[in-house]
Amino acid sequence: MAEKKTNYDASQIQVLEGLEAVRRRPGMYIGDTGNRGLHHLVFEVVDNSIDEALAGYCDHIQVIILPDGSIKIIDNGRGIPVDKHAKTGKSALEVVLTVLHAGGKFGGSGYIVSGGLHGVGLSVVNALSEWMIAEIHNNGGIHRQEYKRGVPQTPVERLGDTDKTGTIIHFKPDAAIFETVDFNAEVLARRLREMAFLNAGVRIELDDQRVEEKQEFHYTGGISSFVEWLNRNKDVLNKEPIYLSGQFDTAMVEVALQWTTGYSENILSFANNIATTEGGTHEVGLKTALTRTINDYARQANSLKSGQENFAGEDIREGLTAVLSVKLIEPQ
């Protein structure tokens, strides 16, 4: 039987400062410290670039895997602010990279919608990296700051002038945290392709310099192109996917549908670019609306006579491939 500890007082209460909690319990922030968690670091950084795209300021993102095992994400957005943050007295860049729940995604005017971990992302990536270098191009200047395991090693330095804008995040995952620090280009490509489909017109490049292999994902057709890609090896009934979009209060909704000669349905749904693999009210709403619309049309066209039962939703969705994307200010 375990020996009882009689003392339990204030001295036994631990307070983890800064990003120490992230390094102590990384699974709470990125899911795990295996292959999935490793690649999640990259997606968190790319999510910030996609947020810039959603706000209308970014259309080009580069992801570069370097031979030393580090990775660099470059975008042409506005660049993370580097001016002094009023509450902390530090550069806004340092605040974003070292403070949990810091960013432009918590009810402020920085972003209308966003994906990822909502402001936790970049600081978590920083905490779980052996080192990180942030280079920011904005307000006519090139700014740089270096970190080790989440701790700033230099102040934010101005390196020179520029007429460009954007953010460059270069980091190497910490081998002391992760079971593996070897990036899998195919895992990255799968998600980057998905992001490009979900954000029409955004060009995303993946450059694996370990093997000198480049891939580019750029789809002006957005989710319609996504549906066509999903059905690329199938016989389709409607050559052009049916595309619908609309905005309702704080929600933007778009859906693309294409039927095939197959029997199974394949509906992919997303909320703020994050896959909702267990469905949700948006997916239920799509199925309900589709069933109602088809049956209403069938009755107006006299394909369904008075007294005949409506078509079942399962029958209507037979052979259907659909992509549903909703973008919300505060998804639940």
C-alpha atoms as a PDB file:
ATOM      1  CA  MET A   1       0.000   0.000   0.000  1.00  0.00           C
ATOM      2  CA  ALA A   2       1.367   3.403  -0.942  1.00  0.00           C
ATOM      3  CA  GLU A   3       2.641   5.505   1.932  1.00  0.00           C
ATOM      4  CA  LYS A   4       0.327   8.419   2.707  1.00  0.00           C
ATOM      5  CA  LYS A   5       1.782  11.912   2.506  1.00  0.00           C
ATOM      6  CA  THR A   6       0.526  13.912   5.444  1.00  0.00           C
ATOM      7  CA  ASN A   7       1.612  17.349   4.234  1.00  0.00           C
ATOM      8  CA  TYR A   8      -0.423  19.127   1.605  1.00  0.00           C
ATOM      9  CA  ASP A   9       0.106  22.854   1.811  1.00  0.00           C
ATOM     10  CA  ALA A  10       0.829  25.907  -0.346  1.00  0.00           C
ATOM     11  CA  SER A  11       4.426  24.806  -0.928  1.00  0.00           C
ATOM     12  CA  GLN A  12       3.160  21.896  -3.024  1.00  0.00           C
ATOM     13  CA  ILE A  13       1.209  24.077  -5.443  1.00  0.00           C
ATOM     14  CA  GLN A  14       3.235  24.516  -8.640  1.00  0.00           C
ATOM     15  CA  VAL A  15       2.890  27.528 -10.893  1.00  0.00           C
ATOM     16  CA  LEU A  16       4.240  27.033 -14.407  1.00  0.00           C
ATOM     17  CA  GLU A  17       5.404  30.310 -15.891  1.00  0.00           C
ATOM     18  CA  GLY A  18       5.149  31.352 -19.534  1.00  0.00           C
ATOM     19  CA  LEU A  19       5.319  28.446 -21.963  1.00  0.00           C
ATOM     20  CA  GLU A  20       6.684  25.984 -19.414  1.00  0.00           C
ATOM     21  CA  ALA A  21       3.244  24.361 -19.137  1.00  0.00           C
ATOM     22  CA  VAL A  22       3.273  23.637 -22.874  1.00  0.00           C
ATOM     23  CA  ARG A  23       6.624  21.850 -22.667  1.00  0.00           C
ATOM     24  CA  ARG A  24       5.522  19.937 -19.561  1.00  0.00           C
ATOM     25  CA  ARG A  25       2.211  18.736 -21.078  1.00  0.00           C
ATOM     26  CA  PRO A  26       2.482  19.161 -24.875  1.00  0.00           C
ATOM     27  CA  GLY A  27      -0.303  16.670 -25.568  1.00  0.00           C
ATOM     28  CA  MET A  28      -2.826  19.090 -24.074  1.00  0.00           C
ATOM     29  CA  TYR A  29      -2.024  21.564 -26.845  1.00  0.00           C
ATOM     30  CA  ILE A  30      -1.201  19.527 -29.960  1.00  0.00           C
ATOM     31  CA  GLY A  31      -2.838  16.157 -29.268  1.00  0.00           C
ATOM     32  CA  ASP A  32       0.294  14.027 -28.994  1.00  0.00           C
ATOM     33  CA  THR A  33       4.068  14.080 -29.405  1.00  0.00           C
ATOM     34  CA  GLY A  34       4.157  11.539 -32.213  1.00  0.00           C
ATOM     35  CA  ASN A  35       3.932  11.963 -35.956  1.00  0.00           C
ATOM     36  CA  ARG A  36       0.540  13.679 -35.795  1.00  0.00           C
ATOM     37  CA  GLY A  37       1.651  16.268 -33.254  1.00  0.00           C
ATOM     38  CA  LEU A  38       4.832  16.991 -35.188  1.00  0.00           C
ATOM     39  CA  HIS A  39       2.958  17.885 -38.364  1.00  0.00           C
ATOM     40  CA  HIS A  40       0.355  19.798 -36.379  1.00  0.00           C
ATOM     41  CA  LEU A  41       3.074  22.365 -35.634  1.00  0.00           C
ATOM     42  CA  VAL A  42       3.342  23.156 -39.336  1.00  0.00           C
ATOM     43  CA  PHE A  43      -0.416  23.356 -39.805  1.00  0.00           C
ATOM     44  CA  GLU A  44      -0.731  25.811 -36.922  1.00  0.00           C
ATOM     45  CA  VAL A  45       1.704  28.192 -38.612  1.00  0.00           C
ATOM     46  CA  VAL A  46       0.030  27.758 -42.005  1.00  0.00           C
ATOM     47  CA  ASP A  47      -3.369  28.364 -40.362  1.00  0.00           C
ATOM     48  CA  ASN A  48      -2.162  31.845 -39.420  1.00  0.00           C
ATOM     49  CA  SER A  49      -1.237  32.505 -43.042  1.00  0.00           C
ATOM     50  CA  ILE A  50      -4.645  31.208 -44.159  1.00  0.00           C
ATOM     51  CA  ASP A  51      -6.285  33.596 -41.679  1.00  0.00           C
ATOM     52  CA  GLU A  52      -4.507  36.414 -43.506  1.00  0.00           C
ATOM     53  CA  ALA A  53      -5.918  35.026 -46.759  1.00  0.00           C
ATOM     54  CA  LEU A  54      -9.445  34.919 -45.300  1.00  0.00           C
ATOM     55  CA  ALA A  55      -9.029  38.564 -44.316  1.00  0.00           C
ATOM     56  CA  GLY A  56      -8.063  39.367 -47.919  1.00  0.00           C
ATOM     57  CA  TYR A  57      -4.356  40.105 -47.383  1.00  0.00           C
ATOM     58  CA  CYS A  58      -2.522  36.936 -48.481  1.00  0.00           C
ATOM     59  CA  ASP A  59      -2.582  34.806 -51.624  1.00  0.00           C
ATOM     60  CA  HIS A  60       0.782  33.012 -51.551  1.00  0.00           C
ATOM     61  CA  ILE A  61       2.142  30.598 -48.928  1.00  0.00           C
ATOM     62  CA  GLN A  62       5.381  28.613 -49.128  1.00  0.00           C
ATOM     63  CA  VAL A  63       6.315  25.649 -46.937  1.00  0.00           C
ATOM     64  CA  ILE A  64       9.982  24.647 -47.221  1.00  0.00           C
ATOM     65  CA  ILE A  65      11.473  21.533 -45.581  1.00  0.00           C
ATOM     66  CA  LEU A  66      15.210  22.082 -45.218  1.00  0.00           C
ATOM     67  CA  PRO A  67      17.936  19.384 -45.154  1.00  0.00           C
ATOM     68  CA  ASP A  68      18.761  20.093 -41.481  1.00  0.00           C
ATOM     69  CA  GLY A  69      15.250  18.989 -40.448  1.00  0.00           C
ATOM     70  CA  SER A  70      13.937  22.506 -39.909  1.00  0.00           C
ATOM     71  CA  ILE A  71      10.955  23.968 -41.735  1.00  0.00           C
ATOM     72  CA  LYS A  72      10.147  27.455 -42.991  1.00  0.00           C
ATOM     73  CA  ILE A  73       6.697  28.906 -43.668  1.00  0.00           C
ATOM     74  CA  ILE A  74       6.533  32.113 -45.726  1.00  0.00           C
ATOM     75  CA  ASP A  75       3.468  34.189 -46.575  1.00  0.00           C
ATOM     76  CA  ASN A  76       2.791  37.537 -48.215  1.00  0.00           C
ATOM     77  CA  GLY A  77       0.228  38.724 -45.677  1.00  0.00           C
ATOM     78  CA  ARG A  78       0.415  41.889 -43.602  1.00  0.00           C
ATOM     79  CA  GLY A  79       3.123  40.561 -41.291  1.00  0.00           C
ATOM     80  CA  ILE A  80       2.709  40.075 -37.537  1.00  0.00           C
ATOM     81  CA  PRO A  81       2.714  43.506 -35.848  1.00  0.00           C
ATOM     82  CA  VAL A  82       6.056  44.415 -34.265  1.00  0.00           C
ATOM     83  CA  ASP A  83       5.125  47.675 -32.560  1.00  0.00           C
ATOM     84  CA  LYS A  84       4.875  47.873 -28.768  1.00  0.00           C
ATOM     85  CA  HIS A  85       1.926  46.137 -27.171  1.00  0.00           C
ATOM     86  CA  ALA A  86       0.255  48.581 -24.775  1.00  0.00           C
ATOM     87  CA  LYS A  87      -0.602  46.098 -22.019  1.00  0.00           C
ATOM     88  CA  THR A  88       2.727  44.236 -21.823  1.00  0.00           C
ATOM     89  CA  GLY A  89       5.158  46.899 -23.006  1.00  0.00           C
ATOM     90  CA  LYS A  90       6.774  44.303 -25.283  1.00  0.00           C
ATOM     91  CA  SER A  91       6.772  43.988 -29.060  1.00  0.00           C
ATOM     92  CA  ALA A  92       3.475  42.527 -30.281  1.00  0.00           C
ATOM     93  CA  LEU A  93       5.565  39.916 -32.134  1.00  0.00           C
ATOM     94  CA  GLU A  94       7.107  38.691 -28.887  1.00  0.00           C
ATOM     95  CA  VAL A  95       3.702  38.646 -27.201  1.00  0.00           C
ATOM     96  CA  VAL A  96       2.191  36.527 -29.997  1.00  0.00           C
ATOM     97  CA  LEU A  97       5.102  34.075 -29.874  1.00  0.00           C
ATOM     98  CA  THR A  98       5.436  33.747 -26.090  1.00  0.00           C
ATOM     99  CA  VAL A  99       1.996  34.261 -24.541  1.00  0.00           C
ATOM    100  CA  LEU A 100      -0.831  31.729 -24.718  1.00  0.00           C
ATOM    101  CA  HIS A 101      -4.169  33.111 -25.901  1.00  0.00           C
ATOM    102  CA  ALA A 102      -2.525  36.139 -27.473  1.00  0.00           C
ATOM    103  CA  GLY A 103      -3.430  37.128 -31.013  1.00  0.00           C
ATOM    104  CA  GLY A 104      -5.900  38.968 -33.191  1.00  0.00           C
ATOM    105  CA  LYS A 105      -8.586  36.259 -32.955  1.00  0.00           C
ATOM    106  CA  PHE A 106     -10.333  36.866 -29.643  1.00  0.00           C
ATOM    107  CA  GLY A 107     -13.188  39.176 -30.501  1.00  0.00           C
ATOM    108  CA  GLY A 108     -10.963  41.993 -31.747  1.00  0.00           C
ATOM    109  CA  SER A 109     -10.911  43.497 -35.207  1.00  0.00           C
ATOM    110  CA  GLY A 110      -7.821  41.625 -36.418  1.00  0.00           C
ATOM    111  CA  TYR A 111      -9.732  38.772 -38.047  1.00  0.00           C
ATOM    112  CA  ILE A 112     -13.356  38.123 -38.952  1.00  0.00           C
ATOM    113  CA  VAL A 113     -12.923  34.319 -38.999  1.00  0.00           C
ATOM    114  CA  SER A 114      -9.979  32.092 -38.212  1.00  0.00           C
ATOM    115  CA  GLY A 115      -8.950  28.458 -37.946  1.00  0.00           C
ATOM    116  CA  GLY A 116      -6.332  26.643 -35.904  1.00  0.00           C
ATOM    117  CA  LEU A 117      -5.973  26.929 -32.140  1.00  0.00           C
ATOM    118  CA  HIS A 118      -7.254  30.525 -31.994  1.00  0.00           C
ATOM    119  CA  GLY A 119      -4.197  32.417 -30.876  1.00  0.00           C
ATOM    120  CA  VAL A 120      -2.548  29.541 -29.002  1.00  0.00           C
ATOM    121  CA  GLY A 121      -0.886  28.173 -32.145  1.00  0.00           C
ATOM    122  CA  LEU A 122       2.275  30.199 -32.720  1.00  0.00           C
ATOM    123  CA  SER A 123       3.268  30.341 -29.053  1.00  0.00           C
ATOM    124  CA  VAL A 124       2.830  26.571 -28.754  1.00  0.00           C
ATOM    125  CA  VAL A 125       4.943  25.969 -31.863  1.00  0.00           C
ATOM    126  CA  ASN A 126       7.616  28.228 -30.386  1.00  0.00           C
ATOM    127  CA  ALA A 127       7.561  26.415 -27.036  1.00  0.00           C
ATOM    128  CA  LEU A 128       7.967  23.001 -28.663  1.00  0.00           C
ATOM    129  CA  SER A 129      10.783  24.033 -31.020  1.00  0.00           C
ATOM    130  CA  GLU A 130      14.497  23.640 -30.377  1.00  0.00           C
ATOM    131  CA  TRP A 131      14.781  27.057 -31.988  1.00  0.00           C
ATOM    132  CA  MET A 132      12.659  29.488 -33.947  1.00  0.00           C
ATOM    133  CA  ILE A 133      13.442  32.548 -36.028  1.00  0.00           C
ATOM    134  CA  ALA A 134      10.668  35.001 -36.884  1.00  0.00           C
ATOM    135  CA  GLU A 135      11.235  37.477 -39.697  1.00  0.00           C
ATOM    136  CA  ILE A 136       8.550  40.067 -40.312  1.00  0.00           C
ATOM    137  CA  HIS A 137       8.192  42.417 -43.278  1.00  0.00           C
ATOM    138  CA  ASN A 138       5.826  45.312 -42.564  1.00  0.00           C
ATOM    139  CA  ASN A 139       5.665  49.072 -42.154  1.00  0.00           C
ATOM    140  CA  GLY A 140       8.609  49.438 -44.543  1.00  0.00           C
ATOM    141  CA  GLY A 141      11.006  47.397 -42.414  1.00  0.00           C
ATOM    142  CA  ILE A 142      12.466  43.891 -42.014  1.00  0.00           C
ATOM    143  CA  HIS A 143      12.264  42.746 -38.377  1.00  0.00           C
ATOM    144  CA  ARG A 144      13.748  39.627 -36.794  1.00  0.00           C
ATOM    145  CA  GLN A 145      13.721  37.848 -33.440  1.00  0.00           C
ATOM    146  CA  GLU A 146      15.276  34.528 -32.347  1.00  0.00           C
ATOM    147  CA  TYR A 147      14.046  32.042 -29.732  1.00  0.00           C
ATOM    148  CA  LYS A 148      15.204  28.838 -28.082  1.00  0.00           C
ATOM    149  CA  ARG A 149      12.555  26.519 -26.675  1.00  0.00           C
ATOM    150  CA  GLY A 150      10.141  29.443 -26.475  1.00  0.00           C
ATOM    151  CA  VAL A 151      12.525  31.860 -24.767  1.00  0.00           C
ATOM    152  CA  PRO A 152      13.582  35.035 -26.647  1.00  0.00           C
ATOM    153  CA  GLN A 153      17.321  35.135 -27.349  1.00  0.00           C
ATOM    154  CA  THR A 154      17.370  38.565 -28.958  1.00  0.00           C
ATOM    155  CA  PRO A 155      15.176  41.656 -28.956  1.00  0.00           C
ATOM    156  CA  VAL A 156      13.135  42.408 -32.052  1.00  0.00           C
ATOM    157  CA  GLU A 157      15.759  43.870 -34.389  1.00  0.00           C
ATOM    158  CA  ARG A 158      15.213  45.942 -37.510  1.00  0.00           C
ATOM    159  CA  LEU A 159      17.486  44.572 -40.234  1.00  0.00           C
ATOM    160  CA  GLY A 160      16.700  46.974 -43.047  1.00  0.00           C
ATOM    161  CA  ASP A 161      14.064  48.427 -45.321  1.00  0.00           C
ATOM    162  CA  THR A 162      11.572  46.690 -47.610  1.00  0.00           C
ATOM    163  CA  ASP A 163       8.534  47.512 -49.693  1.00  0.00           C
ATOM    164  CA  LYS A 164       7.105  44.013 -49.171  1.00  0.00           C
ATOM    165  CA  THR A 165       4.905  42.587 -46.426  1.00  0.00           C
ATOM    166  CA  GLY A 166       4.714  39.117 -44.944  1.00  0.00           C
ATOM    167  CA  THR A 167       5.752  36.706 -42.215  1.00  0.00           C
ATOM    168  CA  ILE A 168       8.530  34.085 -42.233  1.00  0.00           C
ATOM    169  CA  ILE A 169       8.498  31.505 -39.423  1.00  0.00           C
ATOM    170  CA  HIS A 170      11.521  29.183 -39.421  1.00  0.00           C
ATOM    171  CA  PHE A 171      11.722  26.523 -36.708  1.00  0.00           C
ATOM    172  CA  LYS A 172      13.149  23.136 -35.796  1.00  0.00           C
ATOM    173  CA  PRO A 173      10.997  20.821 -33.661  1.00  0.00           C
ATOM    174  CA  ASP A 174      12.581  19.816 -30.351  1.00  0.00           C
ATOM    175  CA  ALA A 175      13.789  16.203 -30.427  1.00  0.00           C
ATOM    176  CA  ALA A 176      13.550  16.195 -26.626  1.00  0.00           C
ATOM    177  CA  ILE A 177       9.755  16.579 -26.979  1.00  0.00           C
ATOM    178  CA  PHE A 178       8.817  14.588 -30.077  1.00  0.00           C
ATOM    179  CA  GLU A 179       9.143  10.883 -30.778  1.00  0.00           C
ATOM    180  CA  THR A 180      10.187  11.783 -34.321  1.00  0.00           C
ATOM    181  CA  VAL A 181      11.271  15.072 -35.893  1.00  0.00           C
ATOM    182  CA  ASP A 182      11.307  13.780 -39.482  1.00  0.00           C
ATOM    183  CA  PHE A 183       8.664  15.559 -41.547  1.00  0.00           C
ATOM    184  CA  ASN A 184       6.644  13.448 -43.976  1.00  0.00           C
ATOM    185  CA  ALA A 185       6.115  15.461 -47.160  1.00  0.00           C
ATOM    186  CA  GLU A 186       3.031  13.469 -48.150  1.00  0.00           C
ATOM    187  CA  VAL A 187       1.312  14.168 -44.820  1.00  0.00           C
ATOM    188  CA  LEU A 188       2.012  17.869 -45.313  1.00  0.00           C
ATOM    189  CA  ALA A 189       0.916  17.788 -48.961  1.00  0.00           C
ATOM    190  CA  ARG A 190      -2.425  16.180 -48.118  1.00  0.00           C
ATOM    191  CA  ARG A 191      -3.403  18.971 -45.716  1.00  0.00           C
ATOM    192  CA  LEU A 192      -1.919  21.788 -47.808  1.00  0.00           C
ATOM    193  CA  ARG A 193      -3.869  20.575 -50.839  1.00  0.00           C
ATOM    194  CA  GLU A 194      -7.036  20.573 -48.738  1.00  0.00           C
ATOM    195  CA  MET A 195      -6.350  24.127 -47.546  1.00  0.00           C
ATOM    196  CA  ALA A 196      -5.857  25.297 -51.127  1.00  0.00           C
ATOM    197  CA  PHE A 197      -9.167  23.740 -52.170  1.00  0.00           C
ATOM    198  CA  LEU A 198     -10.992  25.358 -49.244  1.00  0.00           C
ATOM    199  CA  ASN A 199      -9.549  28.806 -49.958  1.00  0.00           C
ATOM    200  CA  ALA A 200     -10.032  29.455 -53.660  1.00  0.00           C
ATOM    201  CA  GLY A 201      -7.195  31.315 -55.331  1.00  0.00           C
ATOM    202  CA  VAL A 202      -4.600  30.889 -52.571  1.00  0.00           C
ATOM    203  CA  ARG A 203      -1.366  29.438 -53.972  1.00  0.00           C
ATOM    204  CA  ILE A 204       0.404  27.049 -51.591  1.00  0.00           C
ATOM    205  CA  GLU A 205       3.823  25.628 -52.448  1.00  0.00           C
ATOM    206  CA  LEU A 206       5.574  22.709 -50.745  1.00  0.00           C
ATOM    207  CA  ASP A 207       9.320  22.528 -51.363  1.00  0.00           C
ATOM    208  CA  ASP A 208      11.071  19.474 -49.909  1.00  0.00           C
ATOM    209  CA  GLN A 209      14.717  20.442 -50.276  1.00  0.00           C
ATOM    210  CA  ARG A 210      15.831  17.114 -48.768  1.00  0.00           C
ATOM    211  CA  VAL A 211      14.958  15.408 -52.056  1.00  0.00           C
ATOM    212  CA  GLU A 212      14.609  18.493 -54.299  1.00  0.00           C
ATOM    213  CA  GLU A 213      10.907  17.927 -54.909  1.00  0.00           C
ATOM    214  CA  LYS A 214       8.330  20.711 -55.286  1.00  0.00           C
ATOM    215  CA  GLN A 215       4.538  20.592 -55.321  1.00  0.00           C
ATOM    216  CA  GLU A 216       2.083  23.429 -55.931  1.00  0.00           C
ATOM    217  CA  PHE A 217      -1.572  23.619 -54.907  1.00  0.00           C
ATOM    218  CA  HIS A 218      -3.669  26.353 -56.505  1.00  0.00           C
ATOM    219  CA  TYR A 219      -7.365  25.974 -57.301  1.00  0.00           C
ATOM    220  CA  THR A 220      -9.349  28.928 -58.577  1.00  0.00           C
ATOM    221  CA  GLY A 221     -12.429  26.693 -58.550  1.00  0.00           C
ATOM    222  CA  GLY A 222     -12.214  26.202 -54.788  1.00  0.00           C
ATOM    223  CA  ILE A 223     -14.455  23.470 -53.402  1.00  0.00           C
ATOM    224  CA  SER A 224     -15.894  22.733 -56.862  1.00  0.00           C
ATOM    225  CA  SER A 225     -12.369  21.752 -57.873  1.00  0.00           C
ATOM    226  CA  PHE A 226     -12.179  19.733 -54.632  1.00  0.00           C
ATOM    227  CA  VAL A 227     -15.257  17.703 -55.607  1.00  0.00           C
ATOM    228  CA  GLU A 228     -13.897  17.139 -59.129  1.00  0.00           C
ATOM    229  CA  TRP A 229     -10.603  15.971 -57.634  1.00  0.00           C
ATOM    230  CA  LEU A 230     -12.392  13.557 -55.277  1.00  0.00           C
ATOM    231  CA  ASN A 231     -14.309  12.133 -58.277  1.00  0.00           C
ATOM    232  CA  ARG A 232     -11.352  12.113 -60.657  1.00  0.00           C
ATOM    233  CA  ASN A 233     -11.483   8.317 -61.081  1.00  0.00           C
ATOM    234  CA  LYS A 234     -15.277   7.983 -61.081  1.00  0.00           C
ATOM    235  CA  ASP A 235     -18.017   8.224 -63.689  1.00  0.00           C
ATOM    236  CA  VAL A 236     -20.040  11.353 -62.919  1.00  0.00           C
ATOM    237  CA  LEU A 237     -23.669  12.143 -63.740  1.00  0.00           C
ATOM    238  CA  ASN A 238     -23.439  15.957 -63.696  1.00  0.00           C
ATOM    239  CA  LYS A 239     -20.215  17.027 -65.398  1.00  0.00           C
ATOM    240  CA  GLU A 240     -20.017  20.384 -63.622  1.00  0.00           C
ATOM    241  CA  PRO A 241     -20.450  20.320 -59.836  1.00  0.00           C
ATOM    242  CA  ILE A 242     -23.429  22.266 -58.520  1.00  0.00           C
ATOM    243  CA  TYR A 243     -22.077  25.171 -56.469  1.00  0.00           C
ATOM    244  CA  LEU A 244     -24.040  27.286 -54.012  1.00  0.00           C
ATOM    245  CA  SER A 245     -22.881  29.957 -51.579  1.00  0.00           C
ATOM    246  CA  GLY A 246     -24.393  32.525 -49.264  1.00  0.00           C
ATOM    247  CA  GLN A 247     -23.875  34.604 -46.150  1.00  0.00           C
ATOM    248  CA  PHE A 248     -26.245  34.501 -43.194  1.00  0.00           C
ATOM    249  CA  ASP A 249     -25.590  36.875 -40.315  1.00  0.00           C
ATOM    250  CA  THR A 250     -22.044  35.938 -39.196  1.00  0.00           C
ATOM    251  CA  ALA A 251     -21.822  32.697 -41.185  1.00  0.00           C
ATOM    252  CA  MET A 252     -20.530  32.193 -44.723  1.00  0.00           C
ATOM    253  CA  VAL A 253     -21.594  28.926 -46.338  1.00  0.00           C
ATOM    254  CA  GLU A 254     -20.585  27.249 -49.589  1.00  0.00           C
ATOM    255  CA  VAL A 255     -21.316  23.779 -50.922  1.00  0.00           C
ATOM    256  CA  ALA A 256     -20.406  21.856 -54.080  1.00  0.00           C
ATOM    257  CA  LEU A 257     -22.270  18.703 -55.162  1.00  0.00           C
ATOM    258  CA  GLN A 258     -21.671  16.120 -57.877  1.00  0.00           C
ATOM    259  CA  TRP A 259     -23.342  12.744 -58.322  1.00  0.00           C
ATOM    260  CA  THR A 260     -21.558   9.633 -59.584  1.00  0.00           C
ATOM    261  CA  THR A 261     -22.734   6.250 -60.827  1.00  0.00           C
ATOM    262  CA  GLY A 262     -21.637   4.724 -57.510  1.00  0.00           C
ATOM    263  CA  TYR A 263     -23.888   3.834 -54.584  1.00  0.00           C
ATOM    264  CA  SER A 264     -22.156   5.356 -51.585  1.00  0.00           C
ATOM    265  CA  GLU A 265     -22.263   8.985 -50.481  1.00  0.00           C
ATOM    266  CA  ASN A 266     -19.136  10.982 -49.639  1.00  0.00           C
ATOM    267  CA  ILE A 267     -19.768  14.245 -47.793  1.00  0.00           C
ATOM    268  CA  LEU A 268     -16.804  16.208 -46.455  1.00  0.00           C
ATOM    269  CA  SER A 269     -17.670  19.083 -44.143  1.00  0.00           C
ATOM    270  CA  PHE A 270     -15.478  21.821 -42.698  1.00  0.00           C
ATOM    271  CA  ALA A 271     -15.830  24.668 -40.209  1.00  0.00           C
ATOM    272  CA  ASN A 272     -13.240  27.447 -40.594  1.00  0.00           C
ATOM    273  CA  ASN A 273     -11.085  25.115 -42.698  1.00  0.00           C
ATOM    274  CA  ILE A 274     -11.071  22.409 -39.986  1.00  0.00           C
ATOM    275  CA  ALA A 275     -12.545  19.027 -40.981  1.00  0.00           C
ATOM    276  CA  THR A 276     -15.674  18.164 -38.999  1.00  0.00           C
ATOM    277  CA  THR A 277     -15.340  14.413 -39.347  1.00  0.00           C
ATOM    278  CA  GLU A 278     -18.190  13.721 -36.930  1.00  0.00           C
ATOM    279  CA  GLY A 279     -20.591  15.953 -38.825  1.00  0.00           C
ATOM    280  CA  GLY A 280     -22.536  18.673 -37.061  1.00  0.00           C
ATOM    281  CA  THR A 281     -25.536  20.919 -37.501  1.00  0.00           C
ATOM    282  CA  HIS A 282     -24.148  22.293 -40.775  1.00  0.00           C
ATOM    283  CA  GLU A 283     -23.998  18.795 -42.294  1.00  0.00           C
ATOM    284  CA  VAL A 284     -27.432  17.846 -40.936  1.00  0.00           C
ATOM    285  CA  GLY A 285     -28.789  21.083 -42.406  1.00  0.00           C
ATOM    286  CA  LEU A 286     -27.348  20.268 -45.827  1.00  0.00           C
ATOM    287  CA  LYS A 287     -28.912  16.799 -45.872  1.00  0.00           C
ATOM    288  CA  THR A 288     -32.279  18.134 -44.715  1.00  0.00           C
ATOM    289  CA  ALA A 289     -32.299  20.972 -47.256  1.00  0.00           C
ATOM    290  CA  LEU A 290     -31.266  18.645 -50.083  1.00  0.00           C
ATOM    291  CA  THR A 291     -34.024  16.142 -49.286  1.00  0.00           C
ATOM    292  CA  ARG A 292     -36.673  18.871 -49.018  1.00  0.00           C
ATOM    293  CA  THR A 293     -35.578  20.641 -52.199  1.00  0.00           C
ATOM    294  CA  ILE A 294     -35.506  17.506 -54.361  1.00  0.00           C
ATOM    295  CA  ASN A 295     -38.903  16.381 -53.117  1.00  0.00           C
ATOM    296  CA  ASP A 296     -40.438  19.830 -53.604  1.00  0.00           C
ATOM    297  CA  TYR A 297     -39.093  19.941 -57.147  1.00  0.00           C
ATOM    298  CA  ALA A 298     -40.330  16.403 -57.874  1.00  0.00           C
ATOM    299  CA  ARG A 299     -43.842  17.346 -56.825  1.00  0.00           C
ATOM    300  CA  GLN A 300     -43.814  20.594 -58.802  1.00  0.00           C
ATOM    301  CA  ALA A 301     -42.633  18.646 -61.868  1.00  0.00           C
ATOM    302  CA  ASN A 302     -45.303  16.011 -61.198  1.00  0.00           C
ATOM    303  CA  SER A 303     -42.645  13.308 -60.896  1.00  0.00           C
ATOM    304  CA  LEU A 304     -44.176  12.507 -57.518  1.00  0.00           C
ATOM    305  CA  LYS A 305     -47.928  12.098 -57.724  1.00  0.00           C
ATOM    306  CA  SER A 306     -50.416  12.912 -55.004  1.00  0.00           C
ATOM    307  CA  GLY A 307     -50.390  10.080 -52.476  1.00  0.00           C
ATOM    308  CA  GLN A 308     -46.878   8.920 -53.353  1.00  0.00           C
ATOM    309  CA  GLU A 309     -44.297   8.974 -50.590  1.00  0.00           C
ATOM    310  CA  ASN A 310     -41.373  11.387 -50.745  1.00  0.00           C
ATOM    311  CA  PHE A 311     -37.969  10.204 -51.834  1.00  0.00           C
ATOM    312  CA  ALA A 312     -35.865   9.100 -48.870  1.00  0.00           C
ATOM    313  CA  GLY A 313     -32.787  11.208 -48.104  1.00  0.00           C
ATOM    314  CA  GLU A 314     -30.548   8.154 -48.404  1.00  0.00           C
ATOM    315  CA  ASP A 315     -31.812   7.509 -51.928  1.00  0.00           C
ATOM    316  CA  ILE A 316     -31.279  11.131 -52.973  1.00  0.00           C
ATOM    317  CA  ARG A 317     -27.698  11.072 -51.666  1.00  0.00           C
ATOM    318  CA  GLU A 318     -26.820   7.798 -53.364  1.00  0.00           C
ATOM    319  CA  GLY A 319     -23.616   8.369 -55.365  1.00  0.00           C
ATOM    320  CA  LEU A 320     -23.265  11.938 -54.082  1.00  0.00           C
ATOM    321  CA  THR A 321     -19.906  13.580 -53.499  1.00  0.00           C
ATOM    322  CA  ALA A 322     -20.178  16.889 -51.664  1.00  0.00           C
ATOM    323  CA  VAL A 323     -17.934  19.392 -49.932  1.00  0.00           C
ATOM    324  CA  LEU A 324     -19.528  21.735 -47.412  1.00  0.00           C
ATOM    325  CA  SER A 325     -17.539  24.626 -45.962  1.00  0.00           C
ATOM    326  CA  VAL A 326     -18.808  27.064 -43.347  1.00  0.00           C
ATOM    327  CA  LYS A 327     -16.856  29.974 -41.938  1.00  0.00           C
ATOM    328  CA  LEU A 328     -18.038  31.299 -38.594  1.00  0.00           C
ATOM    329  CA  ILE A 329     -16.874  34.004 -36.213  1.00  0.00           C
ATOM    330  CA  GLU A 330     -17.159  31.769 -33.124  1.00  0.00           C
ATOM    331  CA  PRO A 331     -17.615  28.084 -34.100  1.00  0.00           C
ATOM    332  CA  GLN A 332     -18.823  25.790 -31.312  1.00  0.00           C
END
